[in-house]
Amino acid sequence: CGGLTWALIVANVVSLIQDANAKNAEAMQTMDVVNNMIKSHNLNKELSSQCRDYFTKLGDLNQASEARKIIEKMSPMLQNVVTRAVYEDWIEDVWWLQGVTNGFLVHLVLRMENTLYIPREDIP
């Protein structure tokens, strides 16, 4: 029984590593396409930088979306603890979130929709 448990643990770790590698490869492929577009259309330095920054941040945004999907599957107690840990940085940046309950924070995080804009872009 102990050997089977270890086999399952190792299989899950391998699966997580493969998934992370696939996501990393996808992000690198996207950046390759962006760089090819920049080069083929001879975009200026400022616009090139904006494009690269956007897709780098988009990768971060996608990771946040993945984290929310995982948190949604957790038990309520684990959701409370993990949500506070994962979103600690922006909780500290938003003054009115500092005093909210864990339950409210989980509710808020699970209903958030991530959208990325460039600086000075009009937000609809």
Foldseek 3Di string as FASTA:
>chain_A
DVVVVVVVVVVVVVVVVVVVVVLVVVLVVVVVVLVVVCVVVVPDPVVSVQSNVQSVVVSVVVVLVVVLVVLVPDDPVVNLVVLCVVCVVVCVVDPVSVPDHSVVSNVVSNPDDDDDDGPPDDDD
